[in-house]
C-alpha cells in the first residue's frame, strides 16, 4: 500500500510559513537537499492545497531555472503527477495537475491502495489537518528549524482533537535543523 507522507519544514513555534506566506527563514544546504531527494525518489505523487500549489507552480515552472537550481527538484516538481485540493481554483496550468474539490476519505484510501510510490504533501497546512483528522497520514517528516516566528501559518490549523504521534527517528543537520519523523500512534 502506498503511504502519504507530510514533508514540511516547521519553526519551533509550529509554523510552516510566515503570516504572509513567506518561507525565507529556513536554511537550505546540501544535507537537507539530499534528504529531500531521497524522499522524492520514493514518491510519484504530490498533494497540495491551493495556496501552496500556486506558490510551487509559479516557482518550479519558471523557465529561467537552471541546473544550478537543483535539476532533480525541477524535474520532480514539474513532471510528477500532482493533486491540488481546492474549491476555488478554476484551472490548473501546471504540468500533470488534477484539481479535486474536496478531501474525501474513500477516494484517498482508494488512491493509497493503488499501485505506485509514496504520496508527498508539501506545505498545505489546511490539507494536512483534513488528512490528519481522517487518519490518512502515514508519516510526518518534519524539519524543525531553529527559529521562532511568533505568528504565521500553522502546520495544523483547525485541529481541535489531539493527534498522538510516535517519534520514529531524529537526525541533526549542520545548519542547526533537526529532522523528526513521526508515525501516527496506534
N, C-alpha and C. Protein backbone atom coordinates (compact mmCIF):
# COMPACT_ATOMS: atom_id res chain seq x y z
N UNK A 1 0.84 -1.18 0.00
CA UNK A 1 0.00 0.00 0.00
C UNK A 1 0.88 1.24 0.00
N UNK A 2 0.48 2.23 -0.75
CA UNK A 2 1.20 3.50 -0.81
C UNK A 2 1.00 4.24 0.50
N UNK A 3 1.98 5.05 0.87
CA UNK A 3 1.82 5.83 2.09
C UNK A 3 1.82 7.31 1.78
N UNK A 4 1.10 8.05 2.60
CA UNK A 4 1.08 9.50 2.50
C UNK A 4 2.04 10.04 3.54
N UNK A 5 3.00 10.81 3.08
CA UNK A 5 4.00 11.42 3.96
C UNK A 5 3.91 12.93 3.87
N UNK A 6 3.80 13.56 5.02
CA UNK A 6 3.88 15.01 5.09
C UNK A 6 5.36 15.35 5.18
N UNK A 7 5.82 16.21 4.30
CA UNK A 7 7.23 16.59 4.24
C UNK A 7 7.28 18.11 4.34
N UNK A 8 7.53 18.60 5.57
CA UNK A 8 7.46 20.04 5.81
C UNK A 8 8.58 20.53 6.70
N UNK A 9 8.91 21.80 6.53
CA UNK A 9 9.75 22.48 7.49
C UNK A 9 8.83 23.21 8.46
N UNK A 10 9.28 23.31 9.70
CA UNK A 10 8.44 23.88 10.75
C UNK A 10 9.32 24.73 11.66
N UNK A 11 8.81 25.91 12.03
CA UNK A 11 9.51 26.72 13.03
C UNK A 11 9.31 26.09 14.40
N UNK A 12 10.11 26.48 15.36
CA UNK A 12 9.99 25.90 16.70
C UNK A 12 8.60 26.14 17.28
N UNK A 13 7.96 27.24 16.88
CA UNK A 13 6.62 27.51 17.40
C UNK A 13 5.50 26.99 16.49
N UNK A 14 5.83 26.07 15.57
CA UNK A 14 4.81 25.32 14.85
C UNK A 14 4.28 25.91 13.55
N UNK A 15 5.01 26.87 12.96
CA UNK A 15 4.54 27.48 11.72
C UNK A 15 5.30 26.94 10.51
N UNK A 16 4.59 26.79 9.39
CA UNK A 16 5.22 26.34 8.15
C UNK A 16 5.50 27.50 7.20
N UNK A 17 4.99 28.66 7.52
CA UNK A 17 5.24 29.88 6.74
C UNK A 17 4.92 31.07 7.63
N UNK A 18 5.45 32.21 7.24
CA UNK A 18 5.15 33.43 7.97
C UNK A 18 3.72 33.88 7.72
N UNK A 19 3.33 34.97 8.33
CA UNK A 19 1.97 35.49 8.23
C UNK A 19 1.53 35.74 6.79
N UNK A 20 2.46 36.15 5.96
CA UNK A 20 2.15 36.44 4.54
C UNK A 20 2.63 35.33 3.62
N UNK A 21 2.85 34.14 4.17
CA UNK A 21 3.26 33.00 3.36
C UNK A 21 4.76 32.91 3.14
N UNK A 22 5.54 33.81 3.74
CA UNK A 22 6.98 33.83 3.47
C UNK A 22 7.67 32.60 4.07
N UNK A 23 8.60 32.06 3.30
CA UNK A 23 9.38 30.89 3.72
C UNK A 23 10.88 31.16 3.58
N UNK A 24 11.25 32.40 3.69
CA UNK A 24 12.66 32.79 3.52
C UNK A 24 13.47 32.56 4.79
N UNK A 25 12.88 31.99 5.80
CA UNK A 25 13.51 31.84 7.10
C UNK A 25 14.20 30.50 7.30
N UNK A 26 13.96 29.55 6.43
CA UNK A 26 14.57 28.24 6.66
C UNK A 26 15.87 28.10 5.89
N UNK A 27 16.88 27.51 6.55
CA UNK A 27 18.15 27.28 5.85
C UNK A 27 18.04 26.09 4.91
N UNK A 28 18.77 26.14 3.84
CA UNK A 28 18.78 25.04 2.88
C UNK A 28 20.23 24.75 2.56
N UNK A 29 20.64 23.51 2.76
CA UNK A 29 22.02 23.15 2.44
C UNK A 29 22.03 21.78 1.76
N UNK A 30 23.22 21.30 1.43
CA UNK A 30 23.32 20.05 0.67
C UNK A 30 22.82 18.85 1.46
N UNK A 31 22.96 18.85 2.80
CA UNK A 31 22.45 17.74 3.61
C UNK A 31 20.91 17.66 3.53
N UNK A 32 20.28 18.80 3.66
CA UNK A 32 18.82 18.83 3.59
C UNK A 32 18.36 18.50 2.18
N UNK A 33 19.06 19.01 1.20
CA UNK A 33 18.73 18.70 -0.19
C UNK A 33 18.80 17.19 -0.43
N UNK A 34 19.85 16.53 0.09
CA UNK A 34 19.99 15.08 -0.07
C UNK A 34 18.79 14.35 0.55
N UNK A 35 18.37 14.78 1.73
CA UNK A 35 17.22 14.15 2.37
C UNK A 35 15.97 14.28 1.50
N UNK A 36 15.70 15.48 1.01
CA UNK A 36 14.52 15.70 0.17
C UNK A 36 14.60 14.88 -1.11
N UNK A 37 15.78 14.78 -1.71
CA UNK A 37 15.92 13.98 -2.93
C UNK A 37 15.65 12.50 -2.65
N UNK A 38 16.13 12.00 -1.52
CA UNK A 38 15.88 10.60 -1.16
C UNK A 38 14.38 10.35 -1.00
N UNK A 39 13.67 11.28 -0.41
CA UNK A 39 12.22 11.12 -0.23
C UNK A 39 11.50 11.19 -1.58
N UNK A 40 11.94 12.10 -2.43
CA UNK A 40 11.32 12.23 -3.74
C UNK A 40 11.56 11.01 -4.61
N UNK A 41 12.69 10.35 -4.43
CA UNK A 41 12.98 9.14 -5.21
C UNK A 41 11.99 8.02 -4.91
N UNK A 42 11.34 8.05 -3.76
CA UNK A 42 10.39 7.01 -3.36
C UNK A 42 8.95 7.39 -3.70
N UNK A 43 8.74 8.59 -4.21
CA UNK A 43 7.38 9.11 -4.41
C UNK A 43 7.07 9.27 -5.89
N UNK A 44 5.77 9.24 -6.18
CA UNK A 44 5.35 9.50 -7.56
C UNK A 44 4.07 10.33 -7.63
N UNK A 45 3.69 10.93 -6.52
CA UNK A 45 2.51 11.81 -6.48
C UNK A 45 2.74 12.88 -5.41
N UNK A 46 2.26 14.09 -5.70
CA UNK A 46 2.36 15.20 -4.75
C UNK A 46 0.95 15.72 -4.48
N UNK A 47 0.68 16.04 -3.22
CA UNK A 47 -0.59 16.67 -2.84
C UNK A 47 -0.29 18.09 -2.36
N UNK A 48 -1.12 19.02 -2.82
CA UNK A 48 -1.04 20.41 -2.39
C UNK A 48 -2.43 20.93 -2.06
N UNK A 49 -2.47 21.95 -1.21
CA UNK A 49 -3.64 22.81 -1.10
C UNK A 49 -3.46 23.93 -2.13
N UNK A 50 -4.49 24.73 -2.31
CA UNK A 50 -4.44 25.76 -3.35
C UNK A 50 -3.31 26.76 -3.16
N UNK A 51 -3.14 27.28 -1.94
CA UNK A 51 -2.12 28.31 -1.74
C UNK A 51 -0.71 27.78 -2.01
N UNK A 52 -0.40 26.61 -1.48
CA UNK A 52 0.92 26.03 -1.71
C UNK A 52 1.10 25.71 -3.18
N UNK A 53 0.05 25.17 -3.81
CA UNK A 53 0.11 24.88 -5.24
C UNK A 53 0.47 26.14 -6.04
N UNK A 54 -0.18 27.24 -5.75
CA UNK A 54 0.08 28.46 -6.51
C UNK A 54 1.52 28.93 -6.35
N UNK A 55 2.06 28.84 -5.15
CA UNK A 55 3.46 29.24 -4.92
C UNK A 55 4.41 28.29 -5.64
N UNK A 56 4.18 26.99 -5.47
CA UNK A 56 5.08 26.00 -6.05
C UNK A 56 5.02 26.01 -7.58
N UNK A 57 3.84 26.12 -8.13
CA UNK A 57 3.73 26.10 -9.59
C UNK A 57 4.40 27.32 -10.21
N UNK A 58 4.26 28.46 -9.57
CA UNK A 58 4.90 29.66 -10.09
C UNK A 58 6.42 29.54 -10.04
N UNK A 59 6.93 29.01 -8.93
CA UNK A 59 8.39 28.90 -8.78
C UNK A 59 8.97 27.83 -9.69
N UNK A 60 8.47 26.58 -9.59
CA UNK A 60 9.11 25.46 -10.27
C UNK A 60 8.87 25.43 -11.77
N UNK A 61 7.83 26.06 -12.26
CA UNK A 61 7.60 26.07 -13.71
C UNK A 61 8.31 27.23 -14.39
N UNK A 62 9.02 28.04 -13.63
CA UNK A 62 9.77 29.18 -14.18
C UNK A 62 10.84 28.66 -15.14
N UNK A 63 10.76 29.06 -16.39
CA UNK A 63 11.69 28.58 -17.43
C UNK A 63 13.10 29.12 -17.25
N UNK A 64 13.30 30.09 -16.36
CA UNK A 64 14.65 30.64 -16.15
C UNK A 64 15.45 29.84 -15.12
N UNK A 65 14.82 28.84 -14.46
CA UNK A 65 15.56 27.99 -13.54
C UNK A 65 16.62 27.23 -14.33
N UNK A 66 17.78 27.07 -13.72
CA UNK A 66 18.89 26.41 -14.41
C UNK A 66 19.36 25.19 -13.62
N UNK A 67 20.35 24.51 -14.14
CA UNK A 67 20.91 23.34 -13.46
C UNK A 67 21.41 23.70 -12.07
N UNK A 68 21.87 24.92 -11.88
CA UNK A 68 22.32 25.35 -10.56
C UNK A 68 21.16 25.42 -9.57
N UNK A 69 19.95 25.41 -10.07
CA UNK A 69 18.75 25.48 -9.24
C UNK A 69 18.20 24.10 -8.88
N UNK A 70 19.07 23.12 -8.76
CA UNK A 70 18.71 21.77 -8.37
C UNK A 70 17.88 21.06 -9.44
N UNK A 71 18.53 20.53 -10.47
CA UNK A 71 17.80 19.92 -11.59
C UNK A 71 16.90 18.76 -11.19
N UNK A 72 17.29 17.96 -10.19
CA UNK A 72 16.43 16.85 -9.81
C UNK A 72 15.11 17.36 -9.22
N UNK A 73 15.16 18.49 -8.52
CA UNK A 73 13.93 19.08 -7.99
C UNK A 73 13.08 19.65 -9.11
N UNK A 74 13.71 20.31 -10.06
CA UNK A 74 12.97 20.88 -11.18
C UNK A 74 12.21 19.77 -11.91
N UNK A 75 12.90 18.68 -12.20
CA UNK A 75 12.29 17.56 -12.90
C UNK A 75 11.16 16.95 -12.06
N UNK A 76 11.43 16.69 -10.79
CA UNK A 76 10.42 16.07 -9.93
C UNK A 76 9.19 16.96 -9.82
N UNK A 77 9.39 18.21 -9.51
CA UNK A 77 8.25 19.11 -9.30
C UNK A 77 7.42 19.31 -10.57
N UNK A 78 8.08 19.40 -11.70
CA UNK A 78 7.35 19.67 -12.94
C UNK A 78 6.72 18.44 -13.58
N UNK A 79 7.29 17.26 -13.36
CA UNK A 79 6.82 16.08 -14.09
C UNK A 79 6.02 15.09 -13.25
N UNK A 80 6.08 15.21 -11.95
CA UNK A 80 5.35 14.28 -11.08
C UNK A 80 3.86 14.64 -11.07
N UNK A 81 2.99 13.64 -11.13
CA UNK A 81 1.55 13.94 -11.01
C UNK A 81 1.24 14.63 -9.69
N UNK A 82 0.38 15.65 -9.78
CA UNK A 82 0.03 16.47 -8.63
C UNK A 82 -1.49 16.50 -8.45
N UNK A 83 -1.91 16.46 -7.20
CA UNK A 83 -3.31 16.64 -6.86
C UNK A 83 -3.39 17.91 -6.04
N UNK A 84 -4.22 18.85 -6.47
CA UNK A 84 -4.41 20.07 -5.70
C UNK A 84 -5.86 20.09 -5.21
N UNK A 85 -6.02 20.17 -3.90
CA UNK A 85 -7.35 20.25 -3.31
C UNK A 85 -7.74 21.72 -3.23
N UNK A 86 -8.81 22.06 -3.95
CA UNK A 86 -9.26 23.45 -3.97
C UNK A 86 -10.71 23.52 -4.41
N UNK A 87 -11.47 24.33 -3.70
CA UNK A 87 -12.85 24.60 -4.11
C UNK A 87 -12.91 25.81 -5.02
N UNK A 88 -11.83 26.61 -5.05
CA UNK A 88 -11.88 27.87 -5.79
C UNK A 88 -10.99 27.93 -7.03
N UNK A 89 -10.02 27.05 -7.14
CA UNK A 89 -9.11 27.10 -8.29
C UNK A 89 -9.87 26.70 -9.56
N UNK A 90 -9.91 27.62 -10.54
CA UNK A 90 -10.68 27.37 -11.75
C UNK A 90 -10.02 26.35 -12.67
N UNK A 91 -8.71 26.47 -12.82
CA UNK A 91 -8.00 25.53 -13.67
C UNK A 91 -6.56 25.39 -13.19
N UNK A 92 -5.97 24.26 -13.54
CA UNK A 92 -4.57 24.00 -13.18
C UNK A 92 -3.73 24.11 -14.45
N UNK A 93 -2.79 25.04 -14.42
CA UNK A 93 -1.97 25.24 -15.61
C UNK A 93 -0.55 24.68 -15.45
N UNK A 94 -0.32 23.92 -14.40
CA UNK A 94 0.98 23.30 -14.17
C UNK A 94 0.89 21.85 -14.63
N UNK A 95 1.92 21.41 -15.31
CA UNK A 95 2.00 20.07 -15.87
C UNK A 95 1.57 18.99 -14.88
N UNK A 96 0.75 18.04 -15.36
CA UNK A 96 0.35 16.85 -14.59
C UNK A 96 -0.40 17.17 -13.31
N UNK A 97 -1.27 18.16 -13.34
CA UNK A 97 -2.02 18.54 -12.15
C UNK A 97 -3.50 18.26 -12.33
N UNK A 98 -4.07 17.66 -11.30
CA UNK A 98 -5.51 17.37 -11.26
C UNK A 98 -6.10 18.14 -10.08
N UNK A 99 -7.19 18.85 -10.31
CA UNK A 99 -7.89 19.56 -9.25
C UNK A 99 -8.96 18.63 -8.66
N UNK A 100 -8.97 18.54 -7.34
CA UNK A 100 -10.00 17.79 -6.62
C UNK A 100 -10.67 18.78 -5.68
N UNK A 101 -11.97 18.82 -5.67
CA UNK A 101 -12.71 19.85 -4.94
C UNK A 101 -12.79 19.63 -3.44
N UNK A 102 -12.70 18.39 -2.97
CA UNK A 102 -12.77 18.18 -1.52
C UNK A 102 -11.99 16.93 -1.14
N UNK A 103 -11.56 16.92 0.12
CA UNK A 103 -10.86 15.76 0.66
C UNK A 103 -11.91 14.73 1.02
N UNK A 104 -11.87 13.59 0.36
CA UNK A 104 -12.83 12.51 0.57
C UNK A 104 -12.07 11.27 1.03
N UNK A 105 -12.37 10.79 2.21
CA UNK A 105 -11.63 9.67 2.79
C UNK A 105 -11.63 8.45 1.88
N UNK A 106 -12.78 8.09 1.34
CA UNK A 106 -12.87 6.90 0.49
C UNK A 106 -11.96 7.04 -0.74
N UNK A 107 -12.01 8.19 -1.38
CA UNK A 107 -11.20 8.40 -2.59
C UNK A 107 -9.70 8.34 -2.28
N UNK A 108 -9.30 8.89 -1.14
CA UNK A 108 -7.88 8.88 -0.79
C UNK A 108 -7.44 7.49 -0.38
N UNK A 109 -8.28 6.76 0.31
CA UNK A 109 -7.95 5.37 0.64
C UNK A 109 -7.79 4.54 -0.64
N UNK A 110 -8.63 4.80 -1.61
CA UNK A 110 -8.52 4.11 -2.91
C UNK A 110 -7.20 4.48 -3.59
N UNK A 111 -6.81 5.75 -3.54
CA UNK A 111 -5.54 6.20 -4.11
C UNK A 111 -4.38 5.48 -3.42
N UNK A 112 -4.44 5.35 -2.10
CA UNK A 112 -3.38 4.68 -1.35
C UNK A 112 -3.30 3.19 -1.68
N UNK A 113 -4.43 2.57 -1.98
CA UNK A 113 -4.44 1.15 -2.33
C UNK A 113 -3.94 0.90 -3.75
N UNK A 114 -3.89 1.92 -4.56
CA UNK A 114 -3.43 1.78 -5.94
C UNK A 114 -1.94 1.49 -6.02
N UNK A 115 -1.48 1.24 -7.21
CA UNK A 115 -0.05 0.96 -7.39
C UNK A 115 0.72 2.28 -7.47
N UNK A 116 1.99 2.18 -7.14
CA UNK A 116 2.83 3.36 -7.25
C UNK A 116 3.65 3.59 -6.00
N UNK A 117 4.35 4.72 -6.01
CA UNK A 117 5.21 5.09 -4.90
C UNK A 117 4.47 5.91 -3.85
N UNK A 118 5.26 6.49 -2.95
CA UNK A 118 4.69 7.30 -1.89
C UNK A 118 4.01 8.55 -2.44
N UNK A 119 3.18 9.13 -1.61
CA UNK A 119 2.47 10.37 -1.92
C UNK A 119 2.98 11.41 -0.93
N UNK A 120 3.53 12.50 -1.43
CA UNK A 120 4.10 13.54 -0.57
C UNK A 120 3.16 14.73 -0.47
N UNK A 121 3.07 15.29 0.73
CA UNK A 121 2.32 16.52 0.96
C UNK A 121 3.33 17.58 1.37
N UNK A 122 3.41 18.65 0.61
CA UNK A 122 4.28 19.79 0.92
C UNK A 122 3.42 20.95 1.40
N UNK A 123 3.88 21.65 2.45
CA UNK A 123 3.13 22.82 2.92
C UNK A 123 1.71 22.43 3.24
N UNK A 124 0.77 23.23 2.78
CA UNK A 124 -0.65 22.85 2.76
C UNK A 124 -1.21 22.47 4.12
N UNK A 125 -1.01 23.34 5.12
CA UNK A 125 -1.48 23.06 6.47
C UNK A 125 -2.94 22.70 6.56
N UNK A 126 -3.79 23.35 5.80
CA UNK A 126 -5.22 23.04 5.83
C UNK A 126 -5.48 21.62 5.36
N UNK A 127 -4.78 21.21 4.31
CA UNK A 127 -4.95 19.85 3.78
C UNK A 127 -4.35 18.84 4.76
N UNK A 128 -3.20 19.17 5.35
CA UNK A 128 -2.59 18.29 6.36
C UNK A 128 -3.59 18.07 7.49
N UNK A 129 -4.23 19.13 7.94
CA UNK A 129 -5.22 19.00 9.02
C UNK A 129 -6.38 18.10 8.63
N UNK A 130 -6.89 18.29 7.42
CA UNK A 130 -8.02 17.47 6.97
C UNK A 130 -7.63 16.00 6.86
N UNK A 131 -6.46 15.73 6.29
CA UNK A 131 -5.99 14.35 6.15
C UNK A 131 -5.73 13.73 7.52
N UNK A 132 -5.17 14.52 8.44
CA UNK A 132 -4.90 14.02 9.80
C UNK A 132 -6.19 13.67 10.52
N UNK A 133 -7.20 14.52 10.41
CA UNK A 133 -8.49 14.26 11.05
C UNK A 133 -9.11 12.96 10.55
N UNK A 134 -8.85 12.63 9.29
CA UNK A 134 -9.40 11.41 8.69
C UNK A 134 -8.47 10.20 8.86
N UNK A 135 -7.37 10.40 9.59
CA UNK A 135 -6.39 9.33 9.85
C UNK A 135 -5.83 8.75 8.55
N UNK A 136 -5.48 9.63 7.62
CA UNK A 136 -4.96 9.19 6.32
C UNK A 136 -3.46 9.40 6.16
N UNK A 137 -2.81 10.06 7.11
CA UNK A 137 -1.38 10.33 7.00
C UNK A 137 -0.62 9.19 7.68
N UNK A 138 0.35 8.66 6.96
CA UNK A 138 1.15 7.54 7.47
C UNK A 138 2.44 8.00 8.13
N UNK A 139 2.91 9.16 7.74
CA UNK A 139 4.19 9.62 8.26
C UNK A 139 4.28 11.14 8.19
N UNK A 140 4.89 11.70 9.22
CA UNK A 140 5.18 13.13 9.26
C UNK A 140 6.69 13.27 9.31
N UNK A 141 7.29 13.83 8.28
CA UNK A 141 8.73 14.11 8.26
C UNK A 141 8.86 15.62 8.39
N UNK A 142 9.16 16.07 9.60
CA UNK A 142 9.16 17.49 9.91
C UNK A 142 10.58 17.98 10.16
N UNK A 143 11.00 18.95 9.37
CA UNK A 143 12.31 19.56 9.51
C UNK A 143 12.15 20.77 10.42
N UNK A 144 12.55 20.63 11.66
CA UNK A 144 12.39 21.68 12.66
C UNK A 144 13.56 22.66 12.56
N UNK A 145 13.21 23.92 12.28
CA UNK A 145 14.23 24.96 12.11
C UNK A 145 14.33 25.79 13.38
N UNK A 146 15.55 26.16 13.74
CA UNK A 146 15.79 26.89 14.99
C UNK A 146 15.43 28.37 14.89
N UNK A 147 14.12 28.62 14.75
CA UNK A 147 13.63 29.99 14.68
C UNK A 147 12.23 30.04 15.29
N UNK A 148 11.93 31.15 15.94
CA UNK A 148 10.59 31.41 16.45
C UNK A 148 10.02 32.52 15.57
N UNK A 149 8.91 32.24 14.88
CA UNK A 149 8.30 33.24 14.00
C UNK A 149 7.32 34.14 14.75
N UNK A 150 6.74 33.64 15.82
CA UNK A 150 5.79 34.45 16.58
C UNK A 150 4.38 34.40 16.04
N UNK A 151 4.25 34.33 14.74
CA UNK A 151 2.95 34.19 14.09
C UNK A 151 3.19 33.67 12.69
N UNK A 152 2.13 33.19 12.07
CA UNK A 152 2.27 32.67 10.72
C UNK A 152 1.20 31.64 10.42
N UNK A 153 1.53 30.78 9.46
CA UNK A 153 0.60 29.73 9.04
C UNK A 153 0.99 28.43 9.73
N UNK A 154 0.11 27.92 10.59
CA UNK A 154 0.46 26.73 11.36
C UNK A 154 0.39 25.46 10.51
N UNK A 155 1.13 24.46 10.95
CA UNK A 155 1.08 23.16 10.28
C UNK A 155 -0.28 22.52 10.46
N UNK A 156 -0.91 22.72 11.60
CA UNK A 156 -2.19 22.08 11.90
C UNK A 156 -3.27 23.11 12.23
N UNK A 157 -3.72 23.90 11.26
CA UNK A 157 -4.84 24.80 11.56
C UNK A 157 -6.12 23.98 11.72
N UNK A 158 -7.00 24.47 12.53
CA UNK A 158 -8.33 23.87 12.69
C UNK A 158 -8.33 22.47 13.27
N UNK A 159 -7.31 22.13 14.06
CA UNK A 159 -7.31 20.84 14.75
C UNK A 159 -7.81 21.08 16.17
N UNK A 160 -8.90 20.41 16.53
CA UNK A 160 -9.45 20.59 17.87
C UNK A 160 -9.22 19.35 18.73
N UNK A 161 -9.00 18.21 18.10
CA UNK A 161 -8.74 16.97 18.84
C UNK A 161 -7.25 16.67 18.83
N UNK A 162 -6.81 15.99 19.84
CA UNK A 162 -5.40 15.62 19.92
C UNK A 162 -5.08 14.56 18.88
N UNK A 163 -3.87 14.65 18.36
CA UNK A 163 -3.34 13.63 17.46
C UNK A 163 -2.05 13.15 18.08
N UNK A 164 -2.04 11.93 18.54
CA UNK A 164 -0.85 11.39 19.19
C UNK A 164 0.05 10.76 18.13
N UNK A 165 1.33 11.11 18.19
CA UNK A 165 2.31 10.60 17.23
C UNK A 165 3.42 9.89 17.98
N UNK A 166 4.03 8.94 17.31
CA UNK A 166 5.20 8.25 17.85
C UNK A 166 6.44 8.72 17.11
N UNK A 167 7.45 9.15 17.85
CA UNK A 167 8.71 9.56 17.24
C UNK A 167 9.46 8.32 16.78
N UNK A 168 9.78 8.27 15.50
CA UNK A 168 10.45 7.12 14.91
C UNK A 168 11.96 7.33 14.87
N UNK A 169 12.36 8.56 14.49
CA UNK A 169 13.79 8.87 14.49
C UNK A 169 14.00 10.37 14.38
N UNK A 170 15.20 10.78 14.74
CA UNK A 170 15.60 12.17 14.58
C UNK A 170 16.96 12.19 13.90
N UNK A 171 17.25 13.30 13.28
CA UNK A 171 18.53 13.49 12.61
C UNK A 171 18.89 14.96 12.69
N UNK A 172 20.12 15.25 13.06
CA UNK A 172 20.56 16.64 13.16
C UNK A 172 21.38 17.01 11.93
N UNK A 173 21.25 18.26 11.52
CA UNK A 173 21.98 18.78 10.37
C UNK A 173 22.90 19.92 10.80
N UNK A 174 23.97 20.09 10.07
CA UNK A 174 24.98 21.08 10.46
C UNK A 174 24.46 22.52 10.43
N UNK A 175 23.39 22.79 9.70
CA UNK A 175 22.81 24.13 9.66
C UNK A 175 22.01 24.45 10.92
N UNK A 176 21.88 23.47 11.81
CA UNK A 176 21.14 23.68 13.05
C UNK A 176 19.74 23.10 13.05
N UNK A 177 19.31 22.56 11.93
CA UNK A 177 17.98 21.98 11.83
C UNK A 177 17.97 20.55 12.31
N UNK A 178 16.81 20.10 12.71
CA UNK A 178 16.63 18.72 13.17
C UNK A 178 15.41 18.11 12.48
N UNK A 179 15.63 16.96 11.89
CA UNK A 179 14.55 16.21 11.27
C UNK A 179 13.90 15.33 12.33
N UNK A 180 12.58 15.35 12.38
CA UNK A 180 11.81 14.48 13.26
C UNK A 180 10.83 13.70 12.39
N UNK A 181 10.90 12.39 12.48
CA UNK A 181 9.97 11.56 11.72
C UNK A 181 9.03 10.90 12.72
N UNK A 182 7.73 11.09 12.48
CA UNK A 182 6.68 10.57 13.34
C UNK A 182 5.74 9.69 12.54
N UNK A 183 5.19 8.70 13.22
CA UNK A 183 4.09 7.91 12.68
C UNK A 183 2.90 8.10 13.61
N UNK A 184 1.69 8.00 13.08
CA UNK A 184 0.52 8.09 13.95
C UNK A 184 0.57 6.99 15.01
N UNK A 185 0.17 7.33 16.21
CA UNK A 185 0.14 6.37 17.31
C UNK A 185 -1.04 5.41 17.11
N UNK A 186 -0.77 4.15 17.22
CA UNK A 186 -1.86 3.16 17.06
C UNK A 186 -2.29 2.61 18.39
